[in-house]
Amino acid sequence: MFPLLSNREIELVYLTLDEALGEGLVEITEKTDGGSVPELQVVNKSTKMVLILGAEELVRAKQNRIVNTTKIISIRKNF
């Protein structure tokens, strides 16, 4: 493991999953109608990124699931 060092300051603005769910800014659904255990669809309707921590439980689908890696969900962009 090697540390990444920089003299630049970067502000990382994000919501936790609980914050985003509480504000109705994240939508978690099955990826397909039949459902697939390892796959969910997450839609971020916020103007900030959403942080989902590894080992967090997702209860917004047909079956509860545990996230196996930490993820940052990017900001939704309309084109």
C-alpha atoms as a PDB file:
ATOM      1  CA  MET A   1       0.000   0.000   0.000  1.00  0.00           C
ATOM      2  CA  PHE A   2       1.269   3.450  -0.926  1.00  0.00           C
ATOM      3  CA  PRO A   3      -0.196   6.732   0.332  1.00  0.00           C
ATOM      4  CA  LEU A   4      -1.311   9.250  -2.270  1.00  0.00           C
ATOM      5  CA  LEU A   5      -0.025  12.652  -1.266  1.00  0.00           C
ATOM      6  CA  SER A   6      -0.766  16.061  -2.704  1.00  0.00           C
ATOM      7  CA  ASN A   7      -0.468  19.676  -1.654  1.00  0.00           C
ATOM      8  CA  ARG A   8      -3.847  20.440  -3.293  1.00  0.00           C
ATOM      9  CA  GLU A   9      -6.992  20.609  -1.203  1.00  0.00           C
ATOM     10  CA  ILE A  10     -10.080  19.012  -2.680  1.00  0.00           C
ATOM     11  CA  GLU A  11     -13.487  19.379  -1.075  1.00  0.00           C
ATOM     12  CA  LEU A  12     -15.452  16.163  -1.445  1.00  0.00           C
ATOM     13  CA  VAL A  13     -19.139  16.980  -1.035  1.00  0.00           C
ATOM     14  CA  TYR A  14     -21.427  14.003  -0.512  1.00  0.00           C
ATOM     15  CA  LEU A  15     -24.423  12.704   1.404  1.00  0.00           C
ATOM     16  CA  THR A  16     -24.464   9.416   3.259  1.00  0.00           C
ATOM     17  CA  LEU A  17     -26.993   6.861   2.058  1.00  0.00           C
ATOM     18  CA  ASP A  18     -29.120   7.404   5.179  1.00  0.00           C
ATOM     19  CA  GLU A  19     -29.170  11.185   4.598  1.00  0.00           C
ATOM     20  CA  ALA A  20     -30.088  10.786   0.926  1.00  0.00           C
ATOM     21  CA  LEU A  21     -32.825   8.234   1.666  1.00  0.00           C
ATOM     22  CA  GLY A  22     -34.214  10.427   4.452  1.00  0.00           C
ATOM     23  CA  GLU A  23     -34.508  13.349   2.044  1.00  0.00           C
ATOM     24  CA  GLY A  24     -35.960  11.214  -0.753  1.00  0.00           C
ATOM     25  CA  LEU A  25     -32.956  11.897  -2.997  1.00  0.00           C
ATOM     26  CA  VAL A  26     -32.032   8.276  -3.761  1.00  0.00           C
ATOM     27  CA  GLU A  27     -34.105   5.584  -5.388  1.00  0.00           C
ATOM     28  CA  ILE A  28     -33.076   1.924  -4.962  1.00  0.00           C
ATOM     29  CA  THR A  29     -34.872  -0.646  -7.107  1.00  0.00           C
ATOM     30  CA  GLU A  30     -34.378  -4.068  -8.639  1.00  0.00           C
ATOM     31  CA  LYS A  31     -32.387  -3.889 -11.861  1.00  0.00           C
ATOM     32  CA  THR A  32     -34.828  -6.255 -13.600  1.00  0.00           C
ATOM     33  CA  ASP A  33     -38.488  -7.140 -13.002  1.00  0.00           C
ATOM     34  CA  GLY A  34     -37.582 -10.661 -11.866  1.00  0.00           C
ATOM     35  CA  GLY A  35     -34.823  -9.401  -9.584  1.00  0.00           C
ATOM     36  CA  SER A  36     -31.267 -10.639  -9.331  1.00  0.00           C
ATOM     37  CA  VAL A  37     -29.665 -10.996  -5.916  1.00  0.00           C
ATOM     38  CA  PRO A  38     -26.341  -9.290  -6.713  1.00  0.00           C
ATOM     39  CA  GLU A  39     -27.815  -6.447  -8.775  1.00  0.00           C
ATOM     40  CA  LEU A  40     -29.715  -3.318  -7.769  1.00  0.00           C
ATOM     41  CA  GLN A  41     -30.211  -0.002  -9.500  1.00  0.00           C
ATOM     42  CA  VAL A  42     -29.461   3.192  -7.582  1.00  0.00           C
ATOM     43  CA  VAL A  43     -30.628   6.561  -8.920  1.00  0.00           C
ATOM     44  CA  ASN A  44     -29.135   9.655  -7.304  1.00  0.00           C
ATOM     45  CA  LYS A  45     -31.523  12.625  -7.659  1.00  0.00           C
ATOM     46  CA  SER A  46     -29.338  14.886  -5.512  1.00  0.00           C
ATOM     47  CA  THR A  47     -26.930  17.638  -6.517  1.00  0.00           C
ATOM     48  CA  LYS A  48     -24.305  15.878  -4.362  1.00  0.00           C
ATOM     49  CA  MET A  49     -22.645  12.477  -4.609  1.00  0.00           C
ATOM     50  CA  VAL A  50     -23.975   9.720  -2.333  1.00  0.00           C
ATOM     51  CA  LEU A  51     -21.653   7.543  -0.246  1.00  0.00           C
ATOM     52  CA  ILE A  52     -22.717   3.931   0.310  1.00  0.00           C
ATOM     53  CA  LEU A  53     -20.440   2.215   2.815  1.00  0.00           C
ATOM     54  CA  GLY A  54     -19.396  -1.409   2.550  1.00  0.00           C
ATOM     55  CA  ALA A  55     -21.385  -3.636   4.956  1.00  0.00           C
ATOM     56  CA  GLU A  56     -24.356  -1.244   4.814  1.00  0.00           C
ATOM     57  CA  GLU A  57     -27.752  -2.950   4.524  1.00  0.00           C
ATOM     58  CA  LEU A  58     -30.019  -2.009   1.616  1.00  0.00           C
ATOM     59  CA  VAL A  59     -33.672  -2.630   2.434  1.00  0.00           C
ATOM     60  CA  ARG A  60     -35.405  -0.839  -0.456  1.00  0.00           C
ATOM     61  CA  ALA A  61     -35.939  -3.780  -2.811  1.00  0.00           C
ATOM     62  CA  LYS A  62     -37.638  -7.198  -2.896  1.00  0.00           C
ATOM     63  CA  GLN A  63     -34.916  -8.626  -0.662  1.00  0.00           C
ATOM     64  CA  ASN A  64     -32.512  -7.025   1.825  1.00  0.00           C
ATOM     65  CA  ARG A  65     -28.888  -6.984   0.738  1.00  0.00           C
ATOM     66  CA  ILE A  66     -25.517  -6.124   2.269  1.00  0.00           C
ATOM     67  CA  VAL A  67     -23.163  -3.952   0.202  1.00  0.00           C
ATOM     68  CA  ASN A  68     -19.799  -5.660  -0.219  1.00  0.00           C
ATOM     69  CA  THR A  69     -17.720  -2.593  -1.200  1.00  0.00           C
ATOM     70  CA  THR A  70     -17.863   1.120  -0.488  1.00  0.00           C
ATOM     71  CA  LYS A  71     -19.266   3.067  -3.437  1.00  0.00           C
ATOM     72  CA  ILE A  72     -19.796   6.696  -4.369  1.00  0.00           C
ATOM     73  CA  ILE A  73     -22.818   7.286  -6.576  1.00  0.00           C
ATOM     74  CA  SER A  74     -22.224  10.160  -8.958  1.00  0.00           C
ATOM     75  CA  ILE A  75     -24.492  13.107  -9.563  1.00  0.00           C
ATOM     76  CA  ARG A  76     -27.274  12.535 -12.076  1.00  0.00           C
ATOM     77  CA  LYS A  77     -26.846  14.692 -15.144  1.00  0.00           C
ATOM     78  CA  ASN A  78     -29.612  15.622 -17.558  1.00  0.00           C
ATOM     79  CA  PHE A  79     -28.596  15.947 -21.209  1.00  0.00           C
END
